[in-house]
Amino acid sequence: MFDYLFVAVTGLIAWHGISYRDANGEREWGHLIFGAIALLFCIRVLLVDILEIV
């Protein structure tokens, strides 16, 4: 149950971080970096812990 919740939360964080734009319509480096890190953790937990592929 914790793995599914973790994937959902990190997926939302990744989506927000990667798609965020400021008032001028530009992307901020901080959001992109943390969004990419969250996406890596999301994919890792999904593949290793839930789907047991690796």
N, C-alpha and C. Protein backbone atom coordinates (compact mmCIF):
# COMPACT_ATOMS: atom_id res chain seq x y z
N MET A 1 0.82 -1.19 0.00
CA MET A 1 0.00 0.00 0.00
C MET A 1 0.87 1.26 0.00
N PHE A 2 1.96 1.22 0.76
CA PHE A 2 2.85 2.38 0.82
C PHE A 2 3.48 2.65 -0.53
N ASP A 3 3.83 1.60 -1.28
CA ASP A 3 4.45 1.79 -2.59
C ASP A 3 3.53 2.50 -3.57
N TYR A 4 2.26 2.15 -3.56
CA TYR A 4 1.30 2.80 -4.46
C TYR A 4 1.12 4.28 -4.10
N LEU A 5 1.06 4.56 -2.82
CA LEU A 5 0.95 5.95 -2.37
C LEU A 5 2.21 6.73 -2.73
N PHE A 6 3.37 6.11 -2.56
CA PHE A 6 4.64 6.76 -2.89
C PHE A 6 4.72 7.08 -4.38
N VAL A 7 4.31 6.15 -5.23
CA VAL A 7 4.33 6.37 -6.68
C VAL A 7 3.36 7.49 -7.06
N ALA A 8 2.21 7.52 -6.45
CA ALA A 8 1.23 8.57 -6.75
C ALA A 8 1.75 9.95 -6.34
N VAL A 9 2.30 10.05 -5.16
CA VAL A 9 2.79 11.35 -4.67
C VAL A 9 3.99 11.82 -5.47
N THR A 10 4.96 10.94 -5.70
CA THR A 10 6.14 11.36 -6.46
C THR A 10 5.78 11.64 -7.92
N GLY A 11 4.78 10.94 -8.45
CA GLY A 11 4.32 11.24 -9.80
C GLY A 11 3.70 12.62 -9.90
N LEU A 12 2.92 12.99 -8.90
CA LEU A 12 2.33 14.34 -8.88
C LEU A 12 3.40 15.41 -8.71
N ILE A 13 4.37 15.15 -7.85
CA ILE A 13 5.47 16.10 -7.67
C ILE A 13 6.27 16.24 -8.96
N ALA A 14 6.53 15.13 -9.63
CA ALA A 14 7.27 15.18 -10.89
C ALA A 14 6.49 15.95 -11.95
N TRP A 15 5.20 15.69 -12.06
CA TRP A 15 4.38 16.38 -13.04
C TRP A 15 4.35 17.89 -12.77
N HIS A 16 4.19 18.26 -11.51
CA HIS A 16 4.17 19.68 -11.17
C HIS A 16 5.52 20.33 -11.44
N GLY A 17 6.60 19.66 -11.05
CA GLY A 17 7.93 20.23 -11.23
C GLY A 17 8.32 20.39 -12.68
N ILE A 18 7.95 19.45 -13.51
CA ILE A 18 8.35 19.50 -14.92
C ILE A 18 7.45 20.44 -15.71
N SER A 19 6.18 20.55 -15.36
CA SER A 19 5.27 21.37 -16.14
C SER A 19 5.10 22.79 -15.60
N TYR A 20 5.74 23.13 -14.49
CA TYR A 20 5.57 24.44 -13.87
C TYR A 20 6.21 25.54 -14.71
N ARG A 21 5.51 26.67 -14.80
CA ARG A 21 6.04 27.88 -15.45
C ARG A 21 5.74 29.07 -14.55
N ASP A 22 6.65 30.04 -14.53
CA ASP A 22 6.44 31.23 -13.70
C ASP A 22 5.53 32.22 -14.42
N ALA A 23 5.42 33.42 -13.87
CA ALA A 23 4.50 34.42 -14.42
C ALA A 23 4.90 34.86 -15.82
N ASN A 24 6.18 34.77 -16.15
CA ASN A 24 6.66 35.15 -17.48
C ASN A 24 6.58 34.01 -18.48
N GLY A 25 6.16 32.85 -18.05
CA GLY A 25 6.04 31.70 -18.94
C GLY A 25 7.32 30.90 -19.09
N GLU A 26 8.30 31.16 -18.22
CA GLU A 26 9.58 30.44 -18.30
C GLU A 26 9.64 29.38 -17.21
N ARG A 27 10.43 28.37 -17.47
CA ARG A 27 10.61 27.29 -16.51
C ARG A 27 11.73 27.66 -15.52
N GLU A 28 11.56 27.24 -14.28
CA GLU A 28 12.58 27.49 -13.26
C GLU A 28 13.42 26.24 -13.08
N TRP A 29 14.73 26.43 -12.91
CA TRP A 29 15.65 25.30 -12.78
C TRP A 29 15.36 24.45 -11.55
N GLY A 30 14.99 25.09 -10.47
CA GLY A 30 14.71 24.34 -9.25
C GLY A 30 13.55 23.38 -9.42
N HIS A 31 12.50 23.83 -10.06
CA HIS A 31 11.35 22.96 -10.30
C HIS A 31 11.71 21.82 -11.24
N LEU A 32 12.49 22.12 -12.27
CA LEU A 32 12.88 21.07 -13.21
C LEU A 32 13.75 20.01 -12.56
N ILE A 33 14.69 20.43 -11.73
CA ILE A 33 15.60 19.47 -11.08
C ILE A 33 14.83 18.57 -10.13
N PHE A 34 14.02 19.17 -9.25
CA PHE A 34 13.28 18.35 -8.30
C PHE A 34 12.20 17.51 -8.98
N GLY A 35 11.64 18.01 -10.06
CA GLY A 35 10.69 17.21 -10.83
C GLY A 35 11.35 16.00 -11.46
N ALA A 36 12.56 16.19 -11.99
CA ALA A 36 13.29 15.07 -12.58
C ALA A 36 13.69 14.04 -11.53
N ILE A 37 14.11 14.50 -10.37
CA ILE A 37 14.48 13.59 -9.28
C ILE A 37 13.25 12.81 -8.83
N ALA A 38 12.12 13.48 -8.68
CA ALA A 38 10.89 12.80 -8.28
C ALA A 38 10.46 11.78 -9.32
N LEU A 39 10.64 12.10 -10.61
CA LEU A 39 10.29 11.16 -11.67
C LEU A 39 11.17 9.91 -11.62
N LEU A 40 12.45 10.09 -11.35
CA LEU A 40 13.35 8.94 -11.23
C LEU A 40 12.93 8.02 -10.08
N PHE A 41 12.61 8.60 -8.92
CA PHE A 41 12.16 7.79 -7.79
C PHE A 41 10.84 7.11 -8.09
N CYS A 42 9.94 7.82 -8.76
CA CYS A 42 8.64 7.25 -9.12
C CYS A 42 8.81 6.03 -10.02
N ILE A 43 9.61 6.17 -11.05
CA ILE A 43 9.82 5.07 -11.98
C ILE A 43 10.55 3.91 -11.32
N ARG A 44 11.52 4.22 -10.45
CA ARG A 44 12.27 3.17 -9.77
C ARG A 44 11.36 2.33 -8.88
N VAL A 45 10.53 2.98 -8.07
CA VAL A 45 9.63 2.24 -7.17
C VAL A 45 8.60 1.47 -7.98
N LEU A 46 8.11 2.08 -9.06
CA LEU A 46 7.12 1.39 -9.89
C LEU A 46 7.71 0.13 -10.51
N LEU A 47 8.89 0.22 -11.09
CA LEU A 47 9.48 -0.94 -11.77
C LEU A 47 10.01 -2.00 -10.80
N VAL A 48 10.67 -1.58 -9.74
CA VAL A 48 11.33 -2.54 -8.86
C VAL A 48 10.39 -3.08 -7.81
N ASP A 49 9.65 -2.24 -7.14
CA ASP A 49 8.85 -2.69 -5.99
C ASP A 49 7.45 -3.16 -6.37
N ILE A 50 6.81 -2.49 -7.32
CA ILE A 50 5.44 -2.85 -7.67
C ILE A 50 5.40 -3.89 -8.78
N LEU A 51 6.04 -3.62 -9.91
CA LEU A 51 6.00 -4.54 -11.05
C LEU A 51 7.03 -5.66 -10.96
N GLU A 52 8.04 -5.49 -10.09
CA GLU A 52 9.11 -6.47 -9.87
C GLU A 52 9.79 -6.88 -11.16
N ILE A 53 10.09 -5.89 -12.00
CA ILE A 53 10.75 -6.15 -13.28
C ILE A 53 12.24 -6.35 -13.09
N VAL A 54 12.85 -5.53 -12.27
CA VAL A 54 14.31 -5.61 -12.08
C VAL A 54 14.60 -6.37 -10.82
